[in-house]
């Protein structure tokens, strides 16, 4: 049966990538195995978009590790609305806005992390390992508020950070799923967050997952950018990632 499939001369390169290369052929068509694999990957990507974020489990895990946790939602009332109206995913619901305003800490936090579903709720599984990798690098991380956000777009973090008085906001959000990466996490750092900012005001770290950018590497880059934003007084296009390939040492984000 295997002789039916003509192998590709680049087959050995598949060990270095998850991309669909060197698939071989059966006559003038793809092998049945590769057609089925493609259909499975497509289904996994669709599921990643529509699967609800497991807020209860995430809240329980974060609370068990001592993080102050708040749960909010955007103005998009459901997933269908979220996908049709990206602008509603960029602003808080009235109830969530009132909740955060009432729970703003007396001492404004240096940074706030938001764990959001975005376009892949599956990516939230990387939030806890990443926070653990950040513990040695970010002073007072355990005292920093963690906000769980549903039906969220990246810019939702600007309003969240502004209401909580944070100097920096980090959105940990599910990225648009690809056909080999349905659970990729993106990190978006914004210094001095407030409504109305654009993507030019943020720094992005993409593809955080074991098969992509490791938790250790992502934590190193993020801590470096956070320290850089403090020194520069802003984030975004003026802040270049010069963290380099060597992981330790990295300057911790000093407070005060």
Protein backbone atom coordinates (compact mmCIF):
# COMPACT_ATOMS: atom_id res chain seq x y z
CA UNK A 1 0.00 0.00 0.00
CA UNK A 2 2.86 2.41 0.79
CA UNK A 3 4.12 2.13 -2.80
CA UNK A 4 0.98 3.97 -3.95
CA UNK A 5 2.33 7.17 -2.39
CA UNK A 6 5.24 8.88 -4.11
CA UNK A 7 7.43 10.46 -1.38
CA UNK A 8 8.69 14.00 -1.66
CA UNK A 9 12.44 14.56 -2.00
CA UNK A 10 12.23 17.07 0.88
CA UNK A 11 10.68 14.58 3.31
CA UNK A 12 13.66 14.72 5.67
CA UNK A 13 13.01 18.44 6.27
CA UNK A 14 9.70 17.67 8.00
CA UNK A 15 11.52 16.89 11.23
CA UNK A 16 12.39 20.60 11.56
CA UNK A 17 8.94 22.15 11.15
CA UNK A 18 5.24 21.62 11.72
CA UNK A 19 4.48 23.35 8.44
CA UNK A 20 2.84 21.25 5.76
CA UNK A 21 5.78 20.56 3.50
CA UNK A 22 6.90 17.48 1.59
CA UNK A 23 3.49 15.79 1.78
CA UNK A 24 4.09 13.41 -1.09
CA UNK A 25 1.47 12.53 -3.67
CA UNK A 26 -0.74 9.75 -4.83
CA UNK A 27 -1.06 10.14 -8.56
CA UNK A 28 -1.87 13.84 -9.01
CA UNK A 29 -3.49 14.19 -5.57
CA UNK A 30 -2.44 14.42 -1.94
CA UNK A 31 -2.24 11.14 -0.02
CA UNK A 32 -5.42 10.34 1.89
CA UNK A 33 -3.50 10.57 5.17
CA UNK A 34 -2.55 14.19 4.49
CA UNK A 35 -6.09 15.12 3.43
CA UNK A 36 -7.42 13.73 6.71
CA UNK A 37 -4.69 15.49 8.71
CA UNK A 38 -5.60 18.78 7.06
CA UNK A 39 -9.29 18.30 7.86
CA UNK A 40 -8.43 17.53 11.49
CA UNK A 41 -6.24 20.63 11.80
CA UNK A 42 -8.96 22.78 10.27
CA UNK A 43 -11.52 21.41 12.73
CA UNK A 44 -9.16 22.04 15.67
CA UNK A 45 -8.66 25.64 14.54
CA UNK A 46 -12.43 26.21 14.32
CA UNK A 47 -12.94 24.64 17.75
CA UNK A 48 -10.26 26.89 19.22
CA UNK A 49 -12.18 29.97 18.07
CA UNK A 50 -15.58 28.85 19.37
CA UNK A 51 -14.71 26.92 22.54
CA UNK A 52 -15.62 28.98 25.65
CA UNK A 53 -12.85 29.93 28.04
CA UNK A 54 -12.88 27.75 31.17
CA UNK A 55 -13.10 30.69 33.54
CA UNK A 56 -13.88 28.64 36.65
CA UNK A 57 -10.81 26.39 36.35
CA UNK A 58 -8.56 29.32 35.53
CA UNK A 59 -9.90 31.38 38.43
CA UNK A 60 -9.40 28.45 40.82
CA UNK A 61 -5.80 27.86 39.70
CA UNK A 62 -4.84 31.52 39.97
CA UNK A 63 -6.52 31.98 43.36
CA UNK A 64 -4.83 28.85 44.71
CA UNK A 65 -1.47 30.48 43.95
CA UNK A 66 -2.43 33.61 45.84
CA UNK A 67 -3.13 35.98 42.95
CA UNK A 68 -5.87 38.62 43.40
CA UNK A 69 -8.25 37.67 40.58
CA UNK A 70 -11.05 39.60 38.87
CA UNK A 71 -13.29 38.30 36.08
CA UNK A 72 -14.64 40.64 33.42
CA UNK A 73 -16.21 40.52 29.99
CA UNK A 74 -16.27 42.81 27.01
CA UNK A 75 -19.31 44.54 25.58
CA UNK A 76 -19.78 41.59 23.20
CA UNK A 77 -22.49 39.54 24.88
CA UNK A 78 -21.72 36.26 23.13
CA UNK A 79 -19.24 34.62 20.78
CA UNK A 80 -21.22 35.31 17.63
CA UNK A 81 -21.38 39.01 18.47
CA UNK A 82 -17.69 39.02 19.37
CA UNK A 83 -16.72 37.66 15.95
CA UNK A 84 -18.99 40.08 14.09
CA UNK A 85 -18.15 43.18 16.14
CA UNK A 86 -14.44 43.39 16.98
CA UNK A 87 -15.00 46.93 18.29
CA UNK A 88 -17.24 45.63 21.08
CA UNK A 89 -14.47 43.26 22.16
CA UNK A 90 -12.23 46.28 22.77
CA UNK A 91 -14.35 47.82 25.52
CA UNK A 92 -15.69 46.52 28.81
CA UNK A 93 -19.30 45.77 29.55
CA UNK A 94 -20.94 48.28 31.89
CA UNK A 95 -21.04 45.69 34.69
CA UNK A 96 -17.33 44.88 34.33
CA UNK A 97 -16.38 48.54 34.22
CA UNK A 98 -18.23 49.16 37.47
CA UNK A 99 -16.65 46.09 39.06
CA UNK A 100 -13.09 47.13 38.26
CA UNK A 101 -13.64 50.73 39.28
CA UNK A 102 -14.97 49.55 42.65
CA UNK A 103 -12.02 47.17 43.16
CA UNK A 104 -9.18 49.47 42.16
CA UNK A 105 -6.40 49.01 44.73
CA UNK A 106 -5.46 51.87 47.06
CA UNK A 107 -1.90 51.62 45.80
CA UNK A 108 -1.85 51.56 41.99
CA UNK A 109 -0.14 48.37 40.81
CA UNK A 110 3.04 48.49 38.81
CA UNK A 111 1.64 45.96 36.38
CA UNK A 112 -1.55 44.01 35.75
CA UNK A 113 -1.83 40.81 33.74
CA UNK A 114 -4.95 39.94 31.76
CA UNK A 115 -5.65 36.35 30.70
CA UNK A 116 -8.04 36.56 27.78
CA UNK A 117 -9.68 34.15 25.37
CA UNK A 118 -9.13 36.20 22.21
CA UNK A 119 -9.42 33.99 19.15
CA UNK A 120 -8.27 30.83 20.92
CA UNK A 121 -9.45 30.01 24.43
CA UNK A 122 -7.16 26.95 24.34
CA UNK A 123 -4.15 29.26 24.61
CA UNK A 124 -5.07 30.11 28.20
CA UNK A 125 -3.45 26.82 29.23
CA UNK A 126 -0.09 28.56 28.81
CA UNK A 127 -0.89 31.42 31.19
CA UNK A 128 -0.03 29.66 34.43
CA UNK A 129 3.31 28.18 33.26
CA UNK A 130 4.29 31.58 31.89
CA UNK A 131 3.43 33.33 35.16
CA UNK A 132 5.54 30.78 37.02
CA UNK A 133 8.46 31.52 34.69
CA UNK A 134 8.01 35.24 35.40
CA UNK A 135 8.05 34.91 39.20
CA UNK A 136 11.86 35.20 39.56
CA UNK A 137 11.97 38.17 37.17
CA UNK A 138 9.13 40.42 38.35
CA UNK A 139 9.11 41.69 41.94
CA UNK A 140 5.69 41.68 43.61
CA UNK A 141 4.17 39.57 40.86
CA UNK A 142 2.23 37.59 43.45
CA UNK A 143 0.55 40.80 44.64
CA UNK A 144 -0.34 42.02 41.16
CA UNK A 145 -3.96 41.71 40.05
CA UNK A 146 -4.79 39.10 37.44
CA UNK A 147 -7.87 39.79 35.33
CA UNK A 148 -9.65 37.03 33.41
CA UNK A 149 -11.40 38.51 30.38
CA UNK A 150 -13.88 36.88 28.03
CA UNK A 151 -14.88 37.91 24.51
CA UNK A 152 -11.74 40.06 24.58
CA UNK A 153 -9.65 41.83 21.98
CA UNK A 154 -6.16 43.14 22.68
CA UNK A 155 -7.23 46.75 23.27
CA UNK A 156 -9.53 45.69 26.12
CA UNK A 157 -6.41 45.70 28.28
CA UNK A 158 -6.07 49.47 27.88
CA UNK A 159 -9.35 50.12 29.68
CA UNK A 160 -8.63 47.46 32.30
CA UNK A 161 -5.20 48.88 33.08
CA UNK A 162 -6.55 52.43 33.22
CA UNK A 163 -9.33 51.55 35.66
CA UNK A 164 -6.92 49.71 37.96
CA UNK A 165 -4.33 52.48 37.74
CA UNK A 166 -1.61 50.17 36.42
CA UNK A 167 1.60 51.57 34.99
CA UNK A 168 1.84 48.60 32.63
CA UNK A 169 -0.68 46.09 31.31
CA UNK A 170 0.17 42.72 29.78
CA UNK A 171 -2.51 41.04 27.70
CA UNK A 172 -2.03 37.27 27.53
CA UNK A 173 -4.44 36.44 24.76
CA UNK A 174 -5.22 33.59 22.39
CA UNK A 175 -3.93 34.28 18.89
CA UNK A 176 -5.75 33.54 15.67
CA UNK A 177 -5.30 29.77 15.28
CA UNK A 178 -3.29 28.38 12.43
CA UNK A 179 -3.49 24.92 10.92
CA UNK A 180 -0.56 23.74 13.04
CA UNK A 181 -1.01 26.01 16.07
CA UNK A 182 -4.55 26.16 17.48
CA UNK A 183 -3.37 27.17 20.98
CA UNK A 184 -0.78 29.89 20.49
CA UNK A 185 -0.59 32.62 23.15
CA UNK A 186 0.28 36.23 22.36
CA UNK A 187 1.63 38.76 24.87
CA UNK A 188 0.93 42.46 24.42
CA UNK A 189 2.70 44.97 26.66
CA UNK A 190 1.36 48.52 26.98
CA UNK A 191 2.98 51.18 29.17
CA UNK A 192 0.64 53.79 30.69
CA UNK A 193 -2.52 52.09 29.37
CA UNK A 194 -5.63 54.11 28.63
CA UNK A 195 -8.49 53.89 26.14
CA UNK A 196 -7.79 55.15 22.66
CA UNK A 197 -4.27 53.77 22.18
CA UNK A 198 -3.32 51.96 18.98
CA UNK A 199 -1.17 48.94 18.23
CA UNK A 200 1.75 51.32 17.70
CA UNK A 201 1.74 51.80 21.49
CA UNK A 202 2.25 48.10 22.24
CA UNK A 203 4.97 45.48 22.04
CA UNK A 204 4.00 41.98 21.01
CA UNK A 205 5.56 38.61 21.79
CA UNK A 206 3.93 35.92 19.67
CA UNK A 207 3.61 32.14 19.48
CA UNK A 208 4.15 31.33 23.16
CA UNK A 209 3.71 27.56 23.53
CA UNK A 210 5.98 24.55 23.98
CA UNK A 211 6.19 24.02 20.20
CA UNK A 212 6.98 27.70 19.59
CA UNK A 213 8.55 30.27 21.93
CA UNK A 214 9.18 28.55 25.27
CA UNK A 215 7.87 29.91 28.57
CA UNK A 216 11.41 30.69 29.71
CA UNK A 217 12.26 32.61 26.54
CA UNK A 218 8.95 34.46 26.55
CA UNK A 219 9.33 35.42 30.23
CA UNK A 220 12.85 36.72 29.55
CA UNK A 221 11.73 38.84 26.60
CA UNK A 222 8.70 40.18 28.44
CA UNK A 223 10.64 41.13 31.58
CA UNK A 224 13.27 42.84 29.41
CA UNK A 225 10.62 44.84 27.54
CA UNK A 226 8.84 45.80 30.75
CA UNK A 227 12.10 47.12 32.22
CA UNK A 228 12.83 48.90 28.95
CA UNK A 229 9.40 50.53 28.88
CA UNK A 230 9.91 51.85 32.40
CA UNK A 231 13.24 53.42 31.46
CA UNK A 232 11.92 54.84 28.19
CA UNK A 233 8.60 55.93 29.63
CA UNK A 234 6.61 54.33 26.83
CA UNK A 235 6.13 51.10 24.92
CA UNK A 236 5.46 50.38 21.26
CA UNK A 237 7.42 51.27 18.14
CA UNK A 238 10.03 53.26 20.08
CA UNK A 239 10.90 50.25 22.26
CA UNK A 240 12.99 47.69 20.39
CA UNK A 241 13.46 44.13 21.59
CA UNK A 242 17.19 43.87 22.17
CA UNK A 243 16.93 41.16 24.81
CA UNK A 244 19.23 38.95 22.73
CA UNK A 245 19.48 35.21 22.65
CA UNK A 246 21.19 34.73 26.04
CA UNK A 247 18.53 34.17 28.67
CA UNK A 248 19.99 34.99 32.09
CA UNK A 249 20.88 37.41 33.40
CA UNK A 250 17.95 39.76 32.84
CA UNK A 251 17.34 42.92 34.77
CA UNK A 252 14.27 42.58 36.95
CA UNK A 253 11.60 45.23 36.81
CA UNK A 254 12.51 47.44 39.73
CA UNK A 255 9.68 49.15 41.57
CA UNK A 256 9.52 52.59 43.10
